[in-house]
Each structure stands twice: as C-alpha cells, then as structure tokens.
Protein backbone atom coordinates (compact mmCIF):
# COMPACT_ATOMS: atom_id res chain seq x y z
CA UNK A 1 133.76 100.63 138.62
CA UNK A 2 137.51 100.66 139.23
CA UNK A 3 138.92 103.93 140.58
CA UNK A 4 141.89 103.70 138.18
CA UNK A 5 142.56 102.79 134.56
CA UNK A 6 144.84 99.79 133.94
CA UNK A 7 145.95 98.15 130.72
CA UNK A 8 145.30 94.52 129.77
CA UNK A 9 148.37 93.45 131.75
CA UNK A 10 147.27 95.33 134.85
CA UNK A 11 149.73 98.23 134.57
CA UNK A 12 148.60 101.59 135.91
CA UNK A 13 147.60 104.17 133.29
CA UNK A 14 145.79 106.87 135.27
CA UNK A 15 143.01 107.59 137.72
CA UNK A 16 139.29 107.56 137.07
CA UNK A 17 137.81 111.07 137.38
CA UNK A 18 135.51 109.83 140.16
CA UNK A 19 138.54 109.42 142.42
CA UNK A 20 139.09 113.18 142.35
CA UNK A 21 135.87 113.63 144.25
CA UNK A 22 137.57 112.09 147.27
CA UNK A 23 141.28 112.65 146.60
CA UNK A 24 143.45 115.55 145.48
CA UNK A 25 146.62 115.19 143.39
CA UNK A 26 149.94 115.92 145.09
CA UNK A 27 152.23 114.94 142.23
CA UNK A 28 151.75 113.70 138.69
CA UNK A 29 154.86 112.78 136.73
CA UNK A 30 155.84 110.27 134.04
CA UNK A 31 157.24 108.05 136.82
CA UNK A 32 154.64 108.08 139.60
CA UNK A 33 151.52 109.80 140.90
CA UNK A 34 150.46 110.77 144.42
CA UNK A 35 146.97 111.51 145.73
CA UNK A 36 145.82 112.49 149.23
CA UNK A 37 142.34 112.01 150.64
CA UNK A 38 140.42 115.20 151.29
CA UNK A 39 140.47 114.58 155.04
CA UNK A 40 144.26 114.07 154.96
CA UNK A 41 144.12 110.57 156.43
CA UNK A 42 145.17 108.45 153.43
CA UNK A 43 147.82 108.78 150.75
CA UNK A 44 147.93 106.80 147.50
CA UNK A 45 151.21 106.41 145.59
CA UNK A 46 151.26 104.53 142.26
CA UNK A 47 154.26 103.92 140.02
CA UNK A 48 154.02 104.55 136.29
CA UNK A 49 157.60 103.82 135.25
CA UNK A 50 158.97 100.34 134.67
CA UNK A 51 160.89 98.64 137.46
CA UNK A 52 163.42 97.37 134.90
CA UNK A 53 166.58 99.48 134.55
CA UNK A 54 166.83 99.19 130.76
CA UNK A 55 163.14 99.85 130.10
CA UNK A 56 162.82 103.61 129.85
CA UNK A 57 162.18 106.61 127.62
CA UNK A 58 164.61 109.30 128.74
CA UNK A 59 163.28 111.82 126.21
CA UNK A 60 159.92 111.70 127.99
CA UNK A 61 161.53 111.70 131.42
CA UNK A 62 160.32 108.15 132.08
CA UNK A 63 163.03 106.18 133.84
CA UNK A 64 163.53 102.54 134.69
CA UNK A 65 163.36 102.75 138.49
CA UNK A 66 162.50 100.07 141.02
CA UNK A 67 160.88 102.09 143.80
CA UNK A 68 161.04 99.08 146.10
CA UNK A 69 164.84 99.27 146.28
CA UNK A 70 167.34 101.75 147.74
CA UNK A 71 169.02 104.46 145.72
CA UNK A 72 172.48 103.23 144.66
CA UNK A 73 175.69 105.16 145.05
CA UNK A 74 177.06 106.67 141.84
CA UNK A 75 179.68 103.96 141.34
CA UNK A 76 177.06 101.24 141.96
CA UNK A 77 174.73 102.73 139.34
CA UNK A 78 177.62 102.84 136.84
CA UNK A 79 178.54 99.23 137.57
CA UNK A 80 174.90 98.15 137.25
CA UNK A 81 174.60 99.83 133.84
CA UNK A 82 177.81 98.19 132.69
CA UNK A 83 176.43 94.73 133.43
CA UNK A 84 173.11 95.17 131.63
CA UNK A 85 171.24 93.41 130.19
CA UNK A 86 172.61 90.34 131.95
CA UNK A 87 172.97 91.92 135.38
CA UNK A 88 169.40 91.44 136.59
CA UNK A 89 170.60 90.07 139.91
CA UNK A 90 171.11 93.75 140.73
CA UNK A 91 167.32 94.00 140.90
CA UNK A 92 167.63 92.65 144.43
CA UNK A 93 169.67 95.58 145.69
CA UNK A 94 169.55 98.75 143.58
CA UNK A 95 166.75 101.00 142.35
CA UNK A 96 168.30 101.97 139.02
CA UNK A 97 171.32 101.99 136.72
CA UNK A 98 173.01 105.03 135.16
CA UNK A 99 175.62 105.52 132.47
CA UNK A 100 176.46 109.15 133.17
CA UNK A 101 176.50 111.39 136.21
CA UNK A 102 173.73 113.52 134.68
CA UNK A 103 171.52 110.45 134.25
CA UNK A 104 172.28 109.43 137.82
CA UNK A 105 171.26 112.84 139.16
CA UNK A 106 167.97 112.82 137.24
CA UNK A 107 167.03 109.39 138.53
CA UNK A 108 168.14 110.27 142.04
CA UNK A 109 165.80 113.26 142.05
CA UNK A 110 162.88 111.05 141.00
CA UNK A 111 163.69 108.45 143.68
CA UNK A 112 164.10 111.16 146.34
CA UNK A 113 160.80 112.74 145.35
CA UNK A 114 158.99 109.40 145.54
CA UNK A 115 160.24 108.71 149.06
CA UNK A 116 159.54 112.24 150.24
CA UNK A 117 155.89 111.17 150.06
CA UNK A 118 156.54 107.94 151.98
CA UNK A 119 158.59 109.01 155.01
CA UNK A 120 157.39 111.41 157.65
CA UNK A 121 154.49 113.10 155.85
CA UNK A 122 151.12 113.87 157.48
CA UNK A 123 148.78 111.08 156.23
CA UNK A 124 148.57 108.24 158.74
CA UNK A 125 147.99 105.49 156.16
CA UNK A 126 150.14 105.37 153.02
CA UNK A 127 149.13 102.94 150.27
CA UNK A 128 152.02 102.30 147.87
CA UNK A 129 152.05 100.31 144.62
CA UNK A 130 155.78 100.55 143.75
CA UNK A 131 155.69 98.13 140.80
CA UNK A 132 152.39 99.11 139.14
CA UNK A 133 154.11 100.75 136.14
CA UNK A 134 154.00 99.32 132.63
CA UNK A 135 156.85 97.17 131.35
CA UNK A 136 157.55 97.71 127.65
CA UNK A 137 160.90 95.98 127.33
CA UNK A 138 160.81 93.44 124.48
CA UNK A 139 161.49 89.81 125.38
CA UNK A 140 164.94 88.40 124.71
CA UNK A 141 167.16 85.56 125.90
CA UNK A 142 167.82 87.35 129.19
CA UNK A 143 164.18 88.07 130.03
CA UNK A 144 161.71 85.93 128.13
CA UNK A 145 158.52 87.16 129.83
CA UNK A 146 159.07 90.83 130.73
CA UNK A 147 155.34 91.61 131.10
CA UNK A 148 155.31 89.40 134.19
CA UNK A 149 157.58 91.95 135.87
CA UNK A 150 154.63 94.31 136.30
CA UNK A 151 152.84 93.83 139.62
CA UNK A 152 149.53 93.42 137.84
CA UNK A 153 146.42 95.28 139.01
CA UNK A 154 148.05 96.58 142.19
CA UNK A 155 147.19 100.23 141.53
CA UNK A 156 143.51 99.31 141.36
CA UNK A 157 143.67 97.34 144.60
CA UNK A 158 145.61 100.10 146.37
CA UNK A 159 143.13 102.73 145.19
CA UNK A 160 140.16 100.67 146.41
CA UNK A 161 141.84 100.26 149.80
CA UNK A 162 142.45 104.00 150.07
CA UNK A 163 138.87 104.78 149.06
CA UNK A 164 137.24 102.29 151.44
CA UNK A 165 139.58 102.68 154.40
CA UNK A 166 137.68 103.73 157.49
CA UNK A 167 140.35 103.05 160.11
CA UNK A 168 142.72 105.60 161.55
CA UNK A 169 145.78 103.79 162.94
CA UNK A 170 147.33 105.23 166.07
CA UNK A 171 150.71 105.29 164.29
CA UNK A 172 151.75 106.12 160.75
CA UNK A 173 151.79 102.99 158.57
CA UNK A 174 152.86 102.08 155.04
CA UNK A 175 151.17 99.27 153.13
CA UNK A 176 153.28 98.18 150.14
CA UNK A 177 151.03 96.39 147.66
CA UNK A 178 152.48 93.96 145.12
CA UNK A 179 151.11 91.03 143.14
CA UNK A 180 152.44 87.61 142.23
CA UNK A 181 151.56 84.66 140.05
CA UNK A 182 153.02 82.16 142.50
CA UNK A 183 150.93 79.39 144.01
CA UNK A 184 150.23 80.93 147.40
CA UNK A 185 147.27 82.52 149.12
CA UNK A 186 144.92 85.28 148.11
CA UNK A 187 147.34 87.48 150.05
CA UNK A 188 150.95 86.68 150.85
CA UNK A 189 152.15 88.92 153.65
CA UNK A 190 155.71 89.93 154.51
CA UNK A 191 156.78 91.52 157.78
CA UNK A 192 159.67 93.75 156.54
CA UNK A 193 161.50 92.39 159.61
CA UNK A 194 159.51 94.72 161.89
CA UNK A 195 156.22 92.90 162.64
CA UNK A 196 155.44 90.21 165.20
CA UNK A 197 155.15 86.81 163.51
CA UNK A 198 152.84 85.41 166.19
CA UNK A 199 150.42 88.29 165.69
CA UNK A 200 150.51 87.70 161.94
CA UNK A 201 149.70 84.03 162.46
CA UNK A 202 146.67 84.87 164.58
CA UNK A 203 145.46 87.33 161.95
CA UNK A 204 145.81 84.71 159.22
CA UNK A 205 143.61 82.35 161.25
CA UNK A 206 140.96 85.07 161.65
CA UNK A 207 141.02 85.88 157.94
CA UNK A 208 140.63 82.21 157.04
CA UNK A 209 137.54 81.96 159.23
CA UNK A 210 136.04 85.16 157.81
CA UNK A 211 136.98 84.98 154.13
CA UNK A 212 137.91 81.34 153.48
CA UNK A 213 134.72 80.34 151.69
CA UNK A 214 134.64 83.41 149.48
CA UNK A 215 138.26 82.73 148.49
CA UNK A 216 137.25 79.38 146.96
CA UNK A 217 135.02 81.06 144.36
CA UNK A 218 138.08 81.71 142.20
CA UNK A 219 140.15 78.74 143.37
CA UNK A 220 139.78 76.74 140.16
CA UNK A 221 140.61 79.72 137.94
CA UNK A 222 143.56 80.60 140.20
CA UNK A 223 145.10 77.14 139.96
CA UNK A 224 144.46 76.94 136.22
CA UNK A 225 146.16 80.31 135.67
CA UNK A 226 149.14 79.18 137.74
CA UNK A 227 149.47 75.88 135.89
CA UNK A 228 149.15 77.36 132.40
CA UNK A 229 151.55 80.24 133.01
CA UNK A 230 154.04 78.11 134.90
CA UNK A 231 154.16 75.36 132.28
CA UNK A 232 154.80 77.94 129.53
CA UNK A 233 157.73 79.33 131.48
CA UNK A 234 159.07 75.90 132.43
CA UNK A 235 158.91 74.76 128.81
CA UNK A 236 160.91 77.82 127.81
CA UNK A 237 163.52 77.20 130.51
CA UNK A 238 163.78 73.51 129.57
CA UNK A 239 164.26 74.41 125.91
CA UNK A 240 166.83 77.09 126.68
CA UNK A 241 168.78 75.39 129.50
CA UNK A 242 168.17 71.69 128.98
CA UNK A 243 167.22 71.14 132.62
CA UNK A 244 164.73 72.12 135.32
CA UNK A 245 166.92 71.07 138.23
CA UNK A 246 167.44 74.22 140.32
CA UNK A 247 170.96 73.22 141.33
CA UNK A 248 172.02 72.75 137.73
CA UNK A 249 170.21 75.94 136.72
CA UNK A 250 172.06 77.95 139.36
CA UNK A 251 175.29 77.33 137.42
CA UNK A 252 173.71 78.68 134.22
CA UNK A 253 171.12 81.29 135.20
CA UNK A 254 170.49 82.76 138.62
CA UNK A 255 167.07 84.06 137.54
CA UNK A 256 165.86 80.77 136.09
CA UNK A 257 167.01 78.90 139.17
CA UNK A 258 165.09 81.27 141.45
CA UNK A 259 161.94 81.01 139.32
CA UNK A 260 161.94 77.21 139.45
CA UNK A 261 162.57 77.19 143.20
CA UNK A 262 159.54 79.43 143.73
CA UNK A 263 157.36 77.10 141.67
CA UNK A 264 158.53 74.14 143.74
CA UNK A 265 157.91 76.08 146.94
CA UNK A 266 154.36 76.94 145.88
CA UNK A 267 153.56 73.32 145.05
CA UNK A 268 154.98 72.27 148.41
CA UNK A 269 152.66 74.74 150.17
CA UNK A 270 149.81 72.81 148.58
CA UNK A 271 151.25 69.47 149.68
CA UNK A 272 152.69 68.50 146.30
CA UNK A 273 156.27 67.21 146.05
CA UNK A 274 158.06 66.69 142.76
CA UNK A 275 159.13 63.15 141.94
CA UNK A 276 161.61 64.55 139.41
CA UNK A 277 162.69 67.95 138.13
CA UNK A 278 161.20 67.50 134.68
CA UNK A 279 158.20 68.84 132.79
CA UNK A 280 156.42 65.57 133.54
CA UNK A 281 157.32 65.87 137.22
CA UNK A 282 155.79 69.34 137.40
CA UNK A 283 152.69 68.24 135.48
CA UNK A 284 152.14 65.33 137.86
CA UNK A 285 152.51 67.58 140.90
CA UNK A 286 150.05 70.08 139.44
CA UNK A 287 147.58 67.25 138.91
CA UNK A 288 147.16 67.00 142.68
CA UNK A 289 145.99 70.59 143.16
CA UNK A 290 142.33 70.22 142.22
CA UNK A 291 140.77 69.48 145.62
CA UNK A 292 143.05 71.65 147.77
CA UNK A 293 141.68 74.89 149.20
CA UNK A 294 143.34 78.20 148.41
CA UNK A 295 144.42 79.80 151.70
CA UNK A 296 143.39 83.38 152.34
CA UNK A 297 146.74 84.34 153.90
CA UNK A 298 150.29 83.05 153.86
CA UNK A 299 152.89 84.76 156.04
CA UNK A 300 156.55 85.26 155.10
CA UNK A 301 156.42 82.36 152.67
CA UNK A 302 157.54 83.83 149.36
CA UNK A 303 158.61 87.40 150.10
CA UNK A 304 159.31 88.46 153.66
CA UNK A 305 160.34 91.97 152.68
CA UNK A 306 163.16 91.70 155.21
CA UNK A 307 165.94 92.42 152.74
CA UNK A 308 164.06 95.46 151.44
CA UNK A 309 163.31 96.55 155.01
CA UNK A 310 167.03 96.39 155.77
CA UNK A 311 168.06 98.16 152.57
CA UNK A 312 165.50 100.94 153.13
CA UNK A 313 166.52 101.16 156.81
CA UNK A 314 162.98 100.80 158.11
CA UNK A 315 164.00 100.21 161.70
CA UNK A 316 165.94 103.47 161.59
CA UNK A 317 162.95 105.28 160.09
CA UNK A 318 160.82 104.02 162.96
CA UNK A 319 163.42 105.09 165.51
CA UNK A 320 163.57 108.54 163.89
CA UNK A 321 159.79 108.92 164.06
CA UNK A 322 159.35 108.89 160.27
CA UNK A 323 157.32 105.69 160.33
CA UNK A 324 155.21 103.73 162.78
CA UNK A 325 155.13 100.38 160.98
CA UNK A 326 154.71 98.73 157.58
CA UNK A 327 153.66 95.52 155.88
CA UNK A 328 154.24 93.87 152.50
CA UNK A 329 151.06 92.66 150.80
CA UNK A 330 151.62 90.36 147.80
CA UNK A 331 148.21 89.87 146.18
CA UNK A 332 147.43 86.92 143.97
CA UNK A 333 147.56 88.26 140.42
CA UNK A 334 144.43 86.32 139.42
CA UNK A 335 142.38 87.45 142.41
CA UNK A 336 143.50 91.07 141.98
CA UNK A 337 142.41 90.96 138.34
CA UNK A 338 139.11 89.14 138.79
CA UNK A 339 137.87 90.36 142.19
CA UNK A 340 139.77 93.44 143.41
CA UNK A 341 136.88 94.31 145.74
CA UNK A 342 137.39 91.05 147.63
CA UNK A 343 141.16 91.49 147.74
CA UNK A 344 140.82 95.04 149.08
CA UNK A 345 138.30 93.86 151.70
CA UNK A 346 140.77 91.29 153.02
CA UNK A 347 143.62 93.81 153.00
CA UNK A 348 141.57 96.32 154.97
CA UNK A 349 140.69 93.66 157.54
CA UNK A 350 144.37 92.71 157.84
CA UNK A 351 145.44 96.34 158.23
CA UNK A 352 142.76 96.92 160.85
CA UNK A 353 144.06 93.95 162.86
CA UNK A 354 147.74 94.77 162.44
CA UNK A 355 147.47 98.49 163.13
CA UNK A 356 144.54 99.16 165.49
CA UNK A 357 143.26 102.65 166.14
C-alpha cells in the first residue's frame, strides 16, 4: 500500500491516513504539504502546485511555482510573465512569473514558506519532491505534452523513503527526488556541485552489485516505455519543425532542441549512435536496445543539479550551517510507477553510503 495518493499521471493528491500514524503535519496548503516523523528525524515535503508559471488557479491560492528554482526579483518576475507562454527557457532560472506586485508578494510568501522547511530546521534528513504537483495546463504549440512536466510518482517514492529510513546522518541532508522518462538508470544522481564524484562512482559500483539483477525485472518495460513515448514526441517535433537535427532545431525552438539532445544522449549511454537525425535513424538506434542491461545508477549524466545548487546558493547554506549536504535523485519514471519499493530501497542504500551516521 502506497503511503500517498497519486493520480494516473503520478501527481501527488494527498497522504494515506496510515502515514499519520508515523508522521505529523507541519503545513498543508494548496501548493505544498510538510510532514515530520514523530521522532523528529525525517521531514517529508511534497509539492501540490504545478511547476509551470502559467498553470495556476489564483482564486484557490494555487500558484504556478517551480520549487526547484530561486525566487526571482520583482523585475525578473514581471519580465518572465511578459514573455509567456513562449518564455519557457525561464524555467531554468526562476521559480515563478508575476504580472502585478501583489501577485509577486503572494508567490514570494509561498516560496519563502516552502524553503523555511528546507534550510536550517531540526530534522536531519529532509525528503523533498519539488515537482510532484499536478500539471493541468492544456497542450498547445508551445508545450505539446504538458503532463510530462510532472515528476511522476515522486511523492510516493519520497514518502516510502521517509517511512523506511533507519539511518541518522551525522549532518543535516536534503534529498531532492525527481523523475524522468529519459533512457538512463533506475536512478540518475546529481551532485549539486557539492559531492565528491569519486565517492559517487564507488557507490554506483556497489549498487550495481547489490541491485543489478533486480533492476532487470522491469528492463523490457522500461525500454518499451521510453521508445513509445519518445517516438510520439519525435513525430510531433518532426511534423511541427520539419527536422530532428538538434542544431537546426536550436534556431527554431530551444525546448525541442534540448529534448532531442537528451534522447540522443540516452541512446549513447546504451551504446547506440544515430546514423541520421531522422525518425528512421532514431528507430534504428532504438532497435539495438533489447539486450542491453539497465544500469542501477548513472552519475551526473542528465541532470547534475549544479546550476540549481548555484542558484540556491547551496555552498553558502553549508558554510552558514543551514545544511550539511544534498543530492539530486532522478528516478526512472517507469520504475517509480511500477516498483516504488525497489526504487526507495536503492535510494536508501545510496543515502546511507553518501551520508554515513
């Protein structure tokens, strides 16, 4: 039984009553919820609002806020709002947009409240799912597949980790849990620019030895999900742009260019190189995936978290004693949906190795 309720797309809806036997609520709002374990050792933070700036219901106090980005200055929020809906490149550097000063202040208060539970509070282990909120924005020419912007099933994985965690790190740590449909490992770790890459490599080797065989149980379904979803998106891009060449796409659509580059990067991780940037080229590359094992861990391959770590000033937080360390955990969307127990087991092993008692 999952400790939380999620919709068919994996967006967080609310907790299961059984969780309240072990955790107490600290905050419940339309935008996020916070729960602390009864012994005060673990904190669970799950987003409910959409990460997209133009996907909100202001009458209900539900804002479009990306909690994995820094709060913008007033003029930046105004500029962001003025460029919507085409200004999605702002997603890389600002938490929200605002059209008025009053709107800016409301969203700032929500962002400040969220991070008041992240920095410098008593629990030693903070599990955060910053993109677990539902995305209700309708598709359009700017964003054809908005539901994919939800980090699917991350609230459930984070809650399982918090429930099962038996370690007590010697320093305060934050584990930011995301999910991805890219062709990577069961977990794709990022160091936020504050972890030792050699240590991460050794941990990946240990996890492969311990969990490698279990990871293959869903390997076929994982690859099939990647291929089916990716081909749908590539067909849409080809129809809309007339090309799948990332260099040509970069002159037409930053977002589409980035998406295609990630698909190519995932195929390359699995030893598959494209002969040509066409639908047929992608199909041929995908045809070589069948016999290749799914790795348990990849490190700093898709998302390092370093830009976010810089924007959120993590090194300064550590220097100020507000944080001991942190790690980005990008779960495979398919594995998180089909076997969250396994995913949480691997995460807990990784956290135990990274942040010993």
